Amino acid sequence: MSGTTQPKPLDGTGWTGKVLAGLILGATLAIGLMGILGLLFHADAQLKTAASQILRWFPGPVWGLLVAFSFLFRSPRQAWLTLVLVNAGVWVLFFLLHGVMA
């Protein structure tokens, strides 16, 4: 008998914490990614340019995917912790890029 423990299987427990993590932190993550893409595309406030149209429609599907994928975490705690860390990385990258490109 080995000393390793089996990982907890995916189940339906904790779905409220997972969906809240996806809704709240998924929104901030999608907006942060939109900001990074906006900086890289040199997007401006002109709504008829291709870059601004891409950025306009980008957050919705990304946010929806993040909410859906938040159910794949084993626990709500893991969902919150992972999404907080990814958010921190994205926003640090955004502010670094904004400082360099300004």
PDB file of N, CA and C in Angstrom:
ATOM      1  N   MET A   1       0.845  -1.179   0.000  1.00  0.00           N
ATOM      2  CA  MET A   1       0.000   0.000   0.000  1.00  0.00           C
ATOM      3  C   MET A   1       0.885   1.234   0.000  1.00  0.00           C
ATOM      4  N   SER A   2       0.676   2.128  -0.943  1.00  0.00           N
ATOM      5  CA  SER A   2       1.519   3.310  -1.055  1.00  0.00           C
ATOM      6  C   SER A   2       1.010   4.411  -0.126  1.00  0.00           C
ATOM      7  N   GLY A   3       1.905   5.374   0.162  1.00  0.00           N
ATOM      8  CA  GLY A   3       1.569   6.464   1.062  1.00  0.00           C
ATOM      9  C   GLY A   3       0.957   7.665   0.368  1.00  0.00           C
ATOM     10  N   THR A   4       0.745   7.555  -0.944  1.00  0.00           N
ATOM     11  CA  THR A   4       0.177   8.696  -1.653  1.00  0.00           C
ATOM     12  C   THR A   4      -1.340   8.697  -1.525  1.00  0.00           C
ATOM     13  N   THR A   5      -1.917   9.870  -1.554  1.00  0.00           N
ATOM     14  CA  THR A   5      -3.364   9.977  -1.479  1.00  0.00           C
ATOM     15  C   THR A   5      -3.923  10.206  -2.877  1.00  0.00           C
ATOM     16  N   GLN A   6      -5.109   9.733  -3.069  1.00  0.00           N
ATOM     17  CA  GLN A   6      -5.778   9.907  -4.347  1.00  0.00           C
ATOM     18  C   GLN A   6      -6.314  11.334  -4.444  1.00  0.00           C
ATOM     19  N   PRO A   7      -6.204  11.970  -5.622  1.00  0.00           N
ATOM     20  CA  PRO A   7      -6.790  13.305  -5.759  1.00  0.00           C
ATOM     21  C   PRO A   7      -8.307  13.233  -5.666  1.00  0.00           C
ATOM     22  N   LYS A   8      -8.874  14.295  -5.150  1.00  0.00           N
ATOM     23  CA  LYS A   8     -10.324  14.354  -5.008  1.00  0.00           C
ATOM     24  C   LYS A   8     -10.963  14.390  -6.396  1.00  0.00           C
ATOM     25  N   PRO A   9     -11.934  13.527  -6.650  1.00  0.00           N
ATOM     26  CA  PRO A   9     -12.574  13.531  -7.977  1.00  0.00           C
ATOM     27  C   PRO A   9     -13.427  14.791  -8.162  1.00  0.00           C
ATOM     28  N   LEU A  10     -13.647  15.151  -9.411  1.00  0.00           N
ATOM     29  CA  LEU A  10     -14.522  16.268  -9.707  1.00  0.00           C
ATOM     30  C   LEU A  10     -15.954  15.882  -9.369  1.00  0.00           C
ATOM     31  N   ASP A  11     -16.617  16.760  -8.655  1.00  0.00           N
ATOM     32  CA  ASP A  11     -18.017  16.523  -8.330  1.00  0.00           C
ATOM     33  C   ASP A  11     -18.749  17.853  -8.299  1.00  0.00           C
ATOM     34  N   GLY A  12     -19.973  17.846  -7.886  1.00  0.00           N
ATOM     35  CA  GLY A  12     -20.791  19.048  -7.917  1.00  0.00           C
ATOM     36  C   GLY A  12     -20.712  19.907  -6.672  1.00  0.00           C
ATOM     37  N   THR A  13     -19.856  19.560  -5.727  1.00  0.00           N
ATOM     38  CA  THR A  13     -19.805  20.334  -4.502  1.00  0.00           C
ATOM     39  C   THR A  13     -19.065  21.646  -4.714  1.00  0.00           C
ATOM     40  N   GLY A  14     -19.485  22.645  -4.001  1.00  0.00           N
ATOM     41  CA  GLY A  14     -18.819  23.932  -4.049  1.00  0.00           C
ATOM     42  C   GLY A  14     -19.062  24.715  -5.312  1.00  0.00           C
ATOM     43  N   TRP A  15     -20.139  24.433  -6.010  1.00  0.00           N
ATOM     44  CA  TRP A  15     -20.349  25.091  -7.294  1.00  0.00           C
ATOM     45  C   TRP A  15     -20.609  26.581  -7.133  1.00  0.00           C
ATOM     46  N   THR A  16     -21.195  27.009  -6.019  1.00  0.00           N
ATOM     47  CA  THR A  16     -21.451  28.441  -5.857  1.00  0.00           C
ATOM     48  C   THR A  16     -20.148  29.226  -5.741  1.00  0.00           C
ATOM     49  N   GLY A  17     -19.201  28.694  -4.990  1.00  0.00           N
ATOM     50  CA  GLY A  17     -17.904  29.367  -4.879  1.00  0.00           C
ATOM     51  C   GLY A  17     -17.154  29.377  -6.196  1.00  0.00           C
ATOM     52  N   LYS A  18     -17.281  28.309  -6.948  1.00  0.00           N
ATOM     53  CA  LYS A  18     -16.608  28.231  -8.246  1.00  0.00           C
ATOM     54  C   LYS A  18     -17.213  29.200  -9.248  1.00  0.00           C
ATOM     55  N   VAL A  19     -18.542  29.269  -9.286  1.00  0.00           N
ATOM     56  CA  VAL A  19     -19.175  30.168 -10.246  1.00  0.00           C
ATOM     57  C   VAL A  19     -18.956  31.621  -9.857  1.00  0.00           C
ATOM     58  N   LEU A  20     -18.919  31.931  -8.572  1.00  0.00           N
ATOM     59  CA  LEU A  20     -18.626  33.300  -8.151  1.00  0.00           C
ATOM     60  C   LEU A  20     -17.198  33.685  -8.491  1.00  0.00           C
ATOM     61  N   ALA A  21     -16.274  32.747  -8.346  1.00  0.00           N
ATOM     62  CA  ALA A  21     -14.883  33.018  -8.738  1.00  0.00           C
ATOM     63  C   ALA A  21     -14.805  33.290 -10.227  1.00  0.00           C
ATOM     64  N   GLY A  22     -15.510  32.489 -11.010  1.00  0.00           N
ATOM     65  CA  GLY A  22     -15.509  32.704 -12.453  1.00  0.00           C
ATOM     66  C   GLY A  22     -16.173  34.004 -12.858  1.00  0.00           C
ATOM     67  N   LEU A  23     -17.258  34.356 -12.199  1.00  0.00           N
ATOM     68  CA  LEU A  23     -17.958  35.594 -12.538  1.00  0.00           C
ATOM     69  C   LEU A  23     -17.155  36.832 -12.144  1.00  0.00           C
ATOM     70  N   ILE A  24     -16.673  36.864 -10.922  1.00  0.00           N
ATOM     71  CA  ILE A  24     -15.994  38.062 -10.426  1.00  0.00           C
ATOM     72  C   ILE A  24     -14.577  38.162 -10.977  1.00  0.00           C
ATOM     73  N   LEU A  25     -13.788  37.127 -10.738  1.00  0.00           N
ATOM     74  CA  LEU A  25     -12.392  37.184 -11.168  1.00  0.00           C
ATOM     75  C   LEU A  25     -12.246  36.948 -12.669  1.00  0.00           C
ATOM     76  N   GLY A  26     -13.206  36.246 -13.260  1.00  0.00           N
ATOM     77  CA  GLY A  26     -13.192  36.080 -14.709  1.00  0.00           C
ATOM     78  C   GLY A  26     -13.420  37.405 -15.420  1.00  0.00           C
ATOM     79  N   ALA A  27     -14.275  38.249 -14.856  1.00  0.00           N
ATOM     80  CA  ALA A  27     -14.518  39.566 -15.457  1.00  0.00           C
ATOM     81  C   ALA A  27     -13.271  40.428 -15.396  1.00  0.00           C
ATOM     82  N   THR A  28     -12.614  40.463 -14.244  1.00  0.00           N
ATOM     83  CA  THR A  28     -11.401  41.282 -14.137  1.00  0.00           C
ATOM     84  C   THR A  28     -10.279  40.733 -15.006  1.00  0.00           C
ATOM     85  N   LEU A  29     -10.232  39.413 -15.152  1.00  0.00           N
ATOM     86  CA  LEU A  29      -9.213  38.809 -16.007  1.00  0.00           C
ATOM     87  C   LEU A  29      -9.476  39.128 -17.478  1.00  0.00           C
ATOM     88  N   ALA A  30     -10.721  39.043 -17.906  1.00  0.00           N
ATOM     89  CA  ALA A  30     -11.067  39.365 -19.299  1.00  0.00           C
ATOM     90  C   ALA A  30     -10.775  40.837 -19.605  1.00  0.00           C
ATOM     91  N   ILE A  31     -11.063  41.719 -18.666  1.00  0.00           N
ATOM     92  CA  ILE A  31     -10.788  43.141 -18.876  1.00  0.00           C
ATOM     93  C   ILE A  31      -9.286  43.396 -18.909  1.00  0.00           C
ATOM     94  N   GLY A  32      -8.540  42.712 -18.052  1.00  0.00           N
ATOM     95  CA  GLY A  32      -7.084  42.863 -18.077  1.00  0.00           C
ATOM     96  C   GLY A  32      -6.474  42.378 -19.383  1.00  0.00           C
ATOM     97  N   LEU A  33      -6.959  41.251 -19.886  1.00  0.00           N
ATOM     98  CA  LEU A  33      -6.481  40.749 -21.170  1.00  0.00           C
ATOM     99  C   LEU A  33      -6.857  41.686 -22.306  1.00  0.00           C
ATOM    100  N   MET A  34      -8.057  42.281 -22.220  1.00  0.00           N
ATOM    101  CA  MET A  34      -8.464  43.255 -23.219  1.00  0.00           C
ATOM    102  C   MET A  34      -7.539  44.471 -23.183  1.00  0.00           C
ATOM    103  N   GLY A  35      -7.146  44.893 -22.002  1.00  0.00           N
ATOM    104  CA  GLY A  35      -6.228  46.018 -21.883  1.00  0.00           C
ATOM    105  C   GLY A  35      -4.870  45.720 -22.483  1.00  0.00           C
ATOM    106  N   ILE A  36      -4.364  44.520 -22.243  1.00  0.00           N
ATOM    107  CA  ILE A  36      -3.071  44.135 -22.815  1.00  0.00           C
ATOM    108  C   ILE A  36      -3.146  44.108 -24.337  1.00  0.00           C
ATOM    109  N   LEU A  37      -4.202  43.512 -24.871  1.00  0.00           N
ATOM    110  CA  LEU A  37      -4.360  43.484 -26.326  1.00  0.00           C
ATOM    111  C   LEU A  37      -4.526  44.887 -26.897  1.00  0.00           C
ATOM    112  N   GLY A  38      -5.226  45.753 -26.175  1.00  0.00           N
ATOM    113  CA  GLY A  38      -5.383  47.124 -26.619  1.00  0.00           C
ATOM    114  C   GLY A  38      -4.053  47.851 -26.698  1.00  0.00           C
ATOM    115  N   LEU A  39      -3.191  47.604 -25.730  1.00  0.00           N
ATOM    116  CA  LEU A  39      -1.861  48.210 -25.770  1.00  0.00           C
ATOM    117  C   LEU A  39      -1.022  47.650 -26.915  1.00  0.00           C
ATOM    118  N   LEU A  40      -1.099  46.353 -27.124  1.00  0.00           N
ATOM    119  CA  LEU A  40      -0.298  45.727 -28.179  1.00  0.00           C
ATOM    120  C   LEU A  40      -0.794  46.090 -29.573  1.00  0.00           C
ATOM    121  N   PHE A  41      -2.113  46.283 -29.727  1.00  0.00           N
ATOM    122  CA  PHE A  41      -2.686  46.671 -31.019  1.00  0.00           C
ATOM    123  C   PHE A  41      -2.651  48.171 -31.246  1.00  0.00           C
ATOM    124  N   HIS A  42      -2.238  48.925 -30.230  1.00  0.00           N
ATOM    125  CA  HIS A  42      -2.253  50.395 -30.293  1.00  0.00           C
ATOM    126  C   HIS A  42      -3.647  50.894 -30.633  1.00  0.00           C
ATOM    127  N   ALA A  43      -4.646  50.319 -29.960  1.00  0.00           N
ATOM    128  CA  ALA A  43      -6.041  50.674 -30.215  1.00  0.00           C
ATOM    129  C   ALA A  43      -6.328  52.069 -29.662  1.00  0.00           C
ATOM    130  N   ASP A  44      -7.239  52.749 -30.329  1.00  0.00           N
ATOM    131  CA  ASP A  44      -7.661  54.065 -29.874  1.00  0.00           C
ATOM    132  C   ASP A  44      -9.180  54.055 -29.715  1.00  0.00           C
ATOM    133  N   ALA A  45      -9.752  55.210 -29.524  1.00  0.00           N
ATOM    134  CA  ALA A  45     -11.190  55.307 -29.266  1.00  0.00           C
ATOM    135  C   ALA A  45     -12.035  55.305 -30.533  1.00  0.00           C
ATOM    136  N   GLN A  46     -11.436  55.142 -31.690  1.00  0.00           N
ATOM    137  CA  GLN A  46     -12.191  55.095 -32.941  1.00  0.00           C
ATOM    138  C   GLN A  46     -12.889  53.747 -33.053  1.00  0.00           C
ATOM    139  N   LEU A  47     -14.205  53.765 -33.027  1.00  0.00           N
ATOM    140  CA  LEU A  47     -14.959  52.513 -32.991  1.00  0.00           C
ATOM    141  C   LEU A  47     -14.986  51.775 -34.320  1.00  0.00           C
ATOM    142  N   LYS A  48     -14.596  52.429 -35.410  1.00  0.00           N
ATOM    143  CA  LYS A  48     -14.678  51.779 -36.717  1.00  0.00           C
ATOM    144  C   LYS A  48     -13.402  51.054 -37.112  1.00  0.00           C
ATOM    145  N   THR A  49     -12.366  51.118 -36.302  1.00  0.00           N
ATOM    146  CA  THR A  49     -11.136  50.415 -36.642  1.00  0.00           C
ATOM    147  C   THR A  49     -11.271  48.938 -36.280  1.00  0.00           C
ATOM    148  N   ALA A  50     -10.501  48.113 -36.959  1.00  0.00           N
ATOM    149  CA  ALA A  50     -10.566  46.668 -36.718  1.00  0.00           C
ATOM    150  C   ALA A  50     -10.115  46.329 -35.307  1.00  0.00           C
ATOM    151  N   ALA A  51      -9.064  46.987 -34.825  1.00  0.00           N
ATOM    152  CA  ALA A  51      -8.546  46.688 -33.485  1.00  0.00           C
ATOM    153  C   ALA A  51      -9.587  46.981 -32.416  1.00  0.00           C
ATOM    154  N   SER A  52     -10.274  48.096 -32.535  1.00  0.00           N
ATOM    155  CA  SER A  52     -11.267  48.421 -31.513  1.00  0.00           C
ATOM    156  C   SER A  52     -12.481  47.501 -31.602  1.00  0.00           C
ATOM    157  N   GLN A  53     -12.826  47.036 -32.777  1.00  0.00           N
ATOM    158  CA  GLN A  53     -13.936  46.087 -32.904  1.00  0.00           C
ATOM    159  C   GLN A  53     -13.578  44.735 -32.283  1.00  0.00           C
ATOM    160  N   ILE A  54     -12.343  44.305 -32.511  1.00  0.00           N
ATOM    161  CA  ILE A  54     -11.899  43.047 -31.882  1.00  0.00           C
ATOM    162  C   ILE A  54     -11.939  43.177 -30.373  1.00  0.00           C
ATOM    163  N   LEU A  55     -11.417  44.295 -29.869  1.00  0.00           N
ATOM    164  CA  LEU A  55     -11.398  44.506 -28.421  1.00  0.00           C
ATOM    165  C   LEU A  55     -12.797  44.677 -27.842  1.00  0.00           C
ATOM    166  N   ARG A  56     -13.688  45.231 -28.620  1.00  0.00           N
ATOM    167  CA  ARG A  56     -15.056  45.432 -28.143  1.00  0.00           C
ATOM    168  C   ARG A  56     -15.750  44.093 -27.891  1.00  0.00           C
ATOM    169  N   TRP A  57     -15.502  43.118 -28.737  1.00  0.00           N
ATOM    170  CA  TRP A  57     -16.183  41.829 -28.617  1.00  0.00           C
ATOM    171  C   TRP A  57     -15.362  40.766 -27.907  1.00  0.00           C
ATOM    172  N   PHE A  58     -14.143  41.087 -27.506  1.00  0.00           N
ATOM    173  CA  PHE A  58     -13.244  40.119 -26.887  1.00  0.00           C
ATOM    174  C   PHE A  58     -13.671  39.677 -25.477  1.00  0.00           C
ATOM    175  N   PRO A  59     -14.022  40.575 -24.566  1.00  0.00           N
ATOM    176  CA  PRO A  59     -14.234  40.147 -23.173  1.00  0.00           C
ATOM    177  C   PRO A  59     -15.400  39.191 -22.967  1.00  0.00           C
ATOM    178  N   GLY A  60     -16.477  39.325 -23.721  1.00  0.00           N
ATOM    179  CA  GLY A  60     -17.655  38.482 -23.500  1.00  0.00           C
ATOM    180  C   GLY A  60     -17.383  36.994 -23.626  1.00  0.00           C
ATOM    181  N   PRO A  61     -16.868  36.539 -24.772  1.00  0.00           N
ATOM    182  CA  PRO A  61     -16.578  35.108 -24.897  1.00  0.00           C
ATOM    183  C   PRO A  61     -15.503  34.621 -23.929  1.00  0.00           C
ATOM    184  N   VAL A  62     -14.500  35.452 -23.683  1.00  0.00           N
ATOM    185  CA  VAL A  62     -13.441  35.052 -22.742  1.00  0.00           C
ATOM    186  C   VAL A  62     -14.026  34.895 -21.349  1.00  0.00           C
ATOM    187  N   TRP A  63     -14.860  35.834 -20.939  1.00  0.00           N
ATOM    188  CA  TRP A  63     -15.491  35.756 -19.627  1.00  0.00           C
ATOM    189  C   TRP A  63     -16.370  34.513 -19.526  1.00  0.00           C
ATOM    190  N   GLY A  64     -17.144  34.244 -20.572  1.00  0.00           N
ATOM    191  CA  GLY A  64     -17.975  33.046 -20.567  1.00  0.00           C
ATOM    192  C   GLY A  64     -17.164  31.763 -20.449  1.00  0.00           C
ATOM    193  N   LEU A  65     -16.048  31.705 -21.163  1.00  0.00           N
ATOM    194  CA  LEU A  65     -15.179  30.526 -21.057  1.00  0.00           C
ATOM    195  C   LEU A  65     -14.574  30.393 -19.667  1.00  0.00           C
ATOM    196  N   LEU A  66     -14.194  31.511 -19.073  1.00  0.00           N
ATOM    197  CA  LEU A  66     -13.624  31.460 -17.726  1.00  0.00           C
ATOM    198  C   LEU A  66     -14.651  30.993 -16.701  1.00  0.00           C
ATOM    199  N   VAL A  67     -15.884  31.430 -16.845  1.00  0.00           N
ATOM    200  CA  VAL A  67     -16.932  30.958 -15.944  1.00  0.00           C
ATOM    201  C   VAL A  67     -17.143  29.458 -16.135  1.00  0.00           C
ATOM    202  N   ALA A  68     -17.179  29.019 -17.385  1.00  0.00           N
ATOM    203  CA  ALA A  68     -17.381  27.589 -17.650  1.00  0.00           C
ATOM    204  C   ALA A  68     -16.211  26.755 -17.128  1.00  0.00           C
ATOM    205  N   PHE A  69     -14.998  27.220 -17.374  1.00  0.00           N
ATOM    206  CA  PHE A  69     -13.832  26.457 -16.931  1.00  0.00           C
ATOM    207  C   PHE A  69     -13.622  26.516 -15.423  1.00  0.00           C
ATOM    208  N   SER A  70     -14.266  27.458 -14.744  1.00  0.00           N
ATOM    209  CA  SER A  70     -14.108  27.527 -13.287  1.00  0.00           C
ATOM    210  C   SER A  70     -14.708  26.298 -12.603  1.00  0.00           C
ATOM    211  N   PHE A  71     -15.602  25.605 -13.283  1.00  0.00           N
ATOM    212  CA  PHE A  71     -16.170  24.384 -12.709  1.00  0.00           C
ATOM    213  C   PHE A  71     -15.184  23.220 -12.731  1.00  0.00           C
ATOM    214  N   LEU A  72     -14.085  23.352 -13.462  1.00  0.00           N
ATOM    215  CA  LEU A  72     -13.110  22.269 -13.534  1.00  0.00           C
ATOM    216  C   LEU A  72     -12.135  22.266 -12.361  1.00  0.00           C
ATOM    217  N   PHE A  73     -12.169  23.285 -11.524  1.00  0.00           N
ATOM    218  CA  PHE A  73     -11.324  23.287 -10.328  1.00  0.00           C
ATOM    219  C   PHE A  73     -11.870  22.286  -9.324  1.00  0.00           C
ATOM    220  N   ARG A  74     -10.996  21.741  -8.533  1.00  0.00           N
ATOM    221  CA  ARG A  74     -11.406  20.714  -7.573  1.00  0.00           C
ATOM    222  C   ARG A  74     -12.150  21.297  -6.372  1.00  0.00           C
ATOM    223  N   SER A  75     -11.889  22.569  -6.061  1.00  0.00           N
ATOM    224  CA  SER A  75     -12.563  23.202  -4.932  1.00  0.00           C
ATOM    225  C   SER A  75     -12.724  24.695  -5.222  1.00  0.00           C
ATOM    226  N   PRO A  76     -13.662  25.341  -4.528  1.00  0.00           N
ATOM    227  CA  PRO A  76     -13.789  26.786  -4.690  1.00  0.00           C
ATOM    228  C   PRO A  76     -12.519  27.533  -4.273  1.00  0.00           C
ATOM    229  N   ARG A  77     -11.863  27.046  -3.249  1.00  0.00           N
ATOM    230  CA  ARG A  77     -10.621  27.675  -2.791  1.00  0.00           C
ATOM    231  C   ARG A  77      -9.563  27.655  -3.893  1.00  0.00           C
ATOM    232  N   GLN A  78      -9.427  26.531  -4.572  1.00  0.00           N
ATOM    233  CA  GLN A  78      -8.463  26.426  -5.662  1.00  0.00           C
ATOM    234  C   GLN A  78      -8.850  27.348  -6.814  1.00  0.00           C
ATOM    235  N   ALA A  79     -10.134  27.469  -7.095  1.00  0.00           N
ATOM    236  CA  ALA A  79     -10.589  28.368  -8.157  1.00  0.00           C
ATOM    237  C   ALA A  79     -10.239  29.810  -7.831  1.00  0.00           C
ATOM    238  N   TRP A  80     -10.559  30.242  -6.628  1.00  0.00           N
ATOM    239  CA  TRP A  80     -10.266  31.619  -6.225  1.00  0.00           C
ATOM    240  C   TRP A  80      -8.769  31.886  -6.229  1.00  0.00           C
ATOM    241  N   LEU A  81      -7.999  30.977  -5.643  1.00  0.00           N
ATOM    242  CA  LEU A  81      -6.551  31.190  -5.550  1.00  0.00           C
ATOM    243  C   LEU A  81      -5.908  31.242  -6.932  1.00  0.00           C
ATOM    244  N   THR A  82      -6.263  30.322  -7.797  1.00  0.00           N
ATOM    245  CA  THR A  82      -5.681  30.298  -9.136  1.00  0.00           C
ATOM    246  C   THR A  82      -6.065  31.543  -9.930  1.00  0.00           C
ATOM    247  N   LEU A  83      -7.329  31.915  -9.882  1.00  0.00           N
ATOM    248  CA  LEU A  83      -7.769  33.080 -10.643  1.00  0.00           C
ATOM    249  C   LEU A  83      -7.209  34.386 -10.076  1.00  0.00           C
ATOM    250  N   VAL A  84      -7.009  34.452  -8.770  1.00  0.00           N
ATOM    251  CA  VAL A  84      -6.366  35.637  -8.183  1.00  0.00           C
ATOM    252  C   VAL A  84      -4.925  35.746  -8.670  1.00  0.00           C
ATOM    253  N   LEU A  85      -4.202  34.634  -8.686  1.00  0.00           N
ATOM    254  CA  LEU A  85      -2.812  34.661  -9.136  1.00  0.00           C
ATOM    255  C   LEU A  85      -2.704  35.004 -10.620  1.00  0.00           C
ATOM    256  N   VAL A  86      -3.581  34.441 -11.431  1.00  0.00           N
ATOM    257  CA  VAL A  86      -3.563  34.753 -12.863  1.00  0.00           C
ATOM    258  C   VAL A  86      -3.937  36.219 -13.086  1.00  0.00           C
ATOM    259  N   ASN A  87      -4.932  36.710 -12.341  1.00  0.00           N
ATOM    260  CA  ASN A  87      -5.303  38.117 -12.423  1.00  0.00           C
ATOM    261  C   ASN A  87      -4.131  39.015 -12.056  1.00  0.00           C
ATOM    262  N   ALA A  88      -3.443  38.679 -10.986  1.00  0.00           N
ATOM    263  CA  ALA A  88      -2.300  39.489 -10.562  1.00  0.00           C
ATOM    264  C   ALA A  88      -1.241  39.530 -11.661  1.00  0.00           C
ATOM    265  N   GLY A  89      -0.961  38.388 -12.265  1.00  0.00           N
ATOM    266  CA  GLY A  89       0.021  38.351 -13.347  1.00  0.00           C
ATOM    267  C   GLY A  89      -0.394  39.178 -14.550  1.00  0.00           C
ATOM    268  N   VAL A  90      -1.659  39.079 -14.924  1.00  0.00           N
ATOM    269  CA  VAL A  90      -2.154  39.826 -16.083  1.00  0.00           C
ATOM    270  C   VAL A  90      -2.112  41.325 -15.812  1.00  0.00           C
ATOM    271  N   TRP A  91      -2.536  41.737 -14.624  1.00  0.00           N
ATOM    272  CA  TRP A  91      -2.564  43.171 -14.329  1.00  0.00           C
ATOM    273  C   TRP A  91      -1.165  43.741 -14.136  1.00  0.00           C
ATOM    274  N   VAL A  92      -0.247  42.962 -13.580  1.00  0.00           N
ATOM    275  CA  VAL A  92       1.147  43.425 -13.499  1.00  0.00           C
ATOM    276  C   VAL A  92       1.709  43.603 -14.903  1.00  0.00           C
ATOM    277  N   LEU A  93       1.451  42.647 -15.783  1.00  0.00           N
ATOM    278  CA  LEU A  93       1.901  42.758 -17.162  1.00  0.00           C
ATOM    279  C   LEU A  93       1.281  43.967 -17.856  1.00  0.00           C
ATOM    280  N   PHE A  94      -0.002  44.209 -17.607  1.00  0.00           N
ATOM    281  CA  PHE A  94      -0.671  45.371 -18.205  1.00  0.00           C
ATOM    282  C   PHE A  94       0.003  46.667 -17.762  1.00  0.00           C
ATOM    283  N   PHE A  95       0.237  46.821 -16.470  1.00  0.00           N
ATOM    284  CA  PHE A  95       0.826  48.074 -15.994  1.00  0.00           C
ATOM    285  C   PHE A  95       2.272  48.222 -16.423  1.00  0.00           C
ATOM    286  N   LEU A  96       2.994  47.110 -16.533  1.00  0.00           N
ATOM    287  CA  LEU A  96       4.365  47.180 -17.062  1.00  0.00           C
ATOM    288  C   LEU A  96       4.367  47.615 -18.529  1.00  0.00           C
ATOM    289  N   LEU A  97       3.498  47.000 -19.315  1.00  0.00           N
ATOM    290  CA  LEU A  97       3.394  47.389 -20.728  1.00  0.00           C
ATOM    291  C   LEU A  97       2.930  48.839 -20.882  1.00  0.00           C
ATOM    292  N   HIS A  98       1.992  49.234 -20.048  1.00  0.00           N
ATOM    293  CA  HIS A  98       1.494  50.607 -20.112  1.00  0.00           C
ATOM    294  C   HIS A  98       2.609  51.594 -19.772  1.00  0.00           C
ATOM    295  N   GLY A  99       3.435  51.258 -18.803  1.00  0.00           N
ATOM    296  CA  GLY A  99       4.545  52.133 -18.447  1.00  0.00           C
ATOM    297  C   GLY A  99       5.607  52.189 -19.524  1.00  0.00           C
ATOM    298  N   VAL A 100       5.863  51.075 -20.168  1.00  0.00           N
ATOM    299  CA  VAL A 100       6.897  51.032 -21.216  1.00  0.00           C
ATOM    300  C   VAL A 100       6.405  51.713 -22.493  1.00  0.00           C
ATOM    301  N   MET A 101       5.143  51.516 -22.842  1.00  0.00           N
ATOM    302  CA  MET A 101       4.627  52.021 -24.100  1.00  0.00           C
ATOM    303  C   MET A 101       4.140  53.473 -24.007  1.00  0.00           C
ATOM    304  N   ALA A 102       4.029  54.007 -22.808  1.00  0.00           N
ATOM    305  CA  ALA A 102       3.530  55.400 -22.669  1.00  0.00           C
ATOM    306  C   ALA A 102       4.586  56.430 -22.997  1.00  0.00           C
TER     307      ALA A 102
END
